[in-house]
Amino acid sequence: MTDKELRRLKRAELLEILFYLQKENDNLKQQNQELQQRIENITLNKQSLSDDDFKRIAQIVRDALNPADENNTEDSPESHEQERSD
């Protein structure tokens, strides 16, 4: 809406626009507050985990993303080590 169009609006119309803008602003503030709380909770939970926990989680994720690696152990360093010992 241009400045010229805004100037032509009646007082009741301007108040209605202000009312809806204020309502939208309140909703956005509430969403922002909820998201900040979620970030804080995630950060607190992250701090309570040890480095070993993160390594285990990372390994689980890698295993889940690459399930073929579990079935195909012939190319793994352990299998090569076994071949050399035979």
Protein backbone atom coordinates (compact mmCIF):
# COMPACT_ATOMS: atom_id res chain seq x y z
CA MET A 1 0.00 0.00 0.00
CA THR A 2 1.45 3.36 -0.98
CA ASP A 3 1.63 6.46 1.20
CA LYS A 4 -0.99 8.11 -0.96
CA GLU A 5 -3.40 5.20 -0.41
CA LEU A 6 -2.75 5.25 3.33
CA ARG A 7 -3.55 8.96 3.54
CA ARG A 8 -6.91 8.38 1.88
CA LEU A 9 -8.03 5.76 4.39
CA LYS A 10 -10.54 6.66 7.05
CA ARG A 11 -9.66 6.60 10.70
CA ALA A 12 -11.64 3.39 11.33
CA GLU A 13 -9.80 1.63 8.51
CA LEU A 14 -6.43 2.77 9.86
CA LEU A 15 -7.34 1.56 13.35
CA GLU A 16 -8.38 -1.80 11.95
CA ILE A 17 -5.05 -2.13 10.13
CA LEU A 18 -3.21 -1.20 13.33
CA PHE A 19 -5.22 -3.76 15.27
CA TYR A 20 -4.32 -6.61 12.89
CA LEU A 21 -0.67 -5.53 12.70
CA GLN A 22 -0.48 -5.51 16.50
CA LYS A 23 -2.09 -8.95 16.65
CA GLU A 24 0.40 -10.29 14.09
CA ASN A 25 3.26 -8.68 16.00
CA ASP A 26 2.13 -10.36 19.23
CA ASN A 27 1.94 -13.75 17.49
CA LEU A 28 5.44 -13.32 16.08
CA LYS A 29 6.81 -12.34 19.48
CA GLN A 30 5.26 -15.46 21.00
CA GLN A 31 6.73 -17.67 18.26
CA ASN A 32 10.11 -16.04 18.75
CA GLN A 33 9.97 -16.67 22.48
CA GLU A 34 9.01 -20.33 21.96
CA LEU A 35 11.86 -20.84 19.48
CA GLN A 36 14.35 -19.21 21.83
CA GLN A 37 13.18 -21.55 24.59
CA ARG A 38 13.64 -24.57 22.30
CA ILE A 39 17.15 -23.41 21.41
CA GLU A 40 17.97 -22.97 25.07
CA ASN A 41 16.66 -26.46 25.88
CA ILE A 42 18.69 -28.00 23.06
CA THR A 43 21.80 -26.15 24.21
CA LEU A 44 21.32 -27.30 27.81
CA ASN A 45 20.80 -30.90 26.69
CA LYS A 46 23.87 -30.71 24.48
CA GLN A 47 26.01 -29.57 27.40
CA SER A 48 24.90 -32.53 29.50
CA LEU A 49 26.20 -35.03 26.92
CA SER A 50 29.83 -36.12 26.93
CA ASP A 51 32.13 -36.28 23.90
CA ASP A 52 31.82 -40.08 23.93
CA ASP A 53 28.05 -39.75 23.72
CA PHE A 54 28.39 -37.48 20.69
CA LYS A 55 30.80 -39.93 19.05
CA ARG A 56 28.36 -42.81 19.62
CA ILE A 57 25.48 -40.76 18.23
CA ALA A 58 27.57 -39.79 15.19
CA GLN A 59 28.46 -43.44 14.59
CA ILE A 60 24.83 -44.49 14.84
CA VAL A 61 23.88 -41.81 12.30
CA ARG A 62 26.67 -42.88 9.95
CA ASP A 63 25.57 -46.51 10.24
CA ALA A 64 21.96 -45.55 9.57
CA LEU A 65 22.94 -43.50 6.51
CA ASN A 66 25.21 -46.21 5.11
CA PRO A 67 23.55 -49.56 5.86
CA ALA A 68 25.41 -51.20 2.96
CA ASP A 69 28.69 -50.72 4.83
CA GLU A 70 27.55 -53.14 7.52
CA ASN A 71 26.77 -55.87 4.98
CA ASN A 72 29.86 -55.24 2.91
CA THR A 73 32.65 -55.88 5.40
CA GLU A 74 35.03 -57.29 2.79
CA ASP A 75 36.45 -53.85 2.09
CA SER A 76 36.81 -52.89 5.73
CA PRO A 77 40.30 -52.58 7.25
CA GLU A 78 39.47 -55.38 9.70
CA SER A 79 38.77 -57.84 6.89
CA HIS A 80 42.03 -56.93 5.16
CA GLU A 81 43.82 -57.50 8.45
CA GLN A 82 42.27 -60.96 8.73
CA GLU A 83 43.29 -61.83 5.15
CA ARG A 84 46.90 -60.99 5.90
CA SER A 85 46.95 -63.18 9.00
CA ASP A 86 45.55 -66.20 7.07
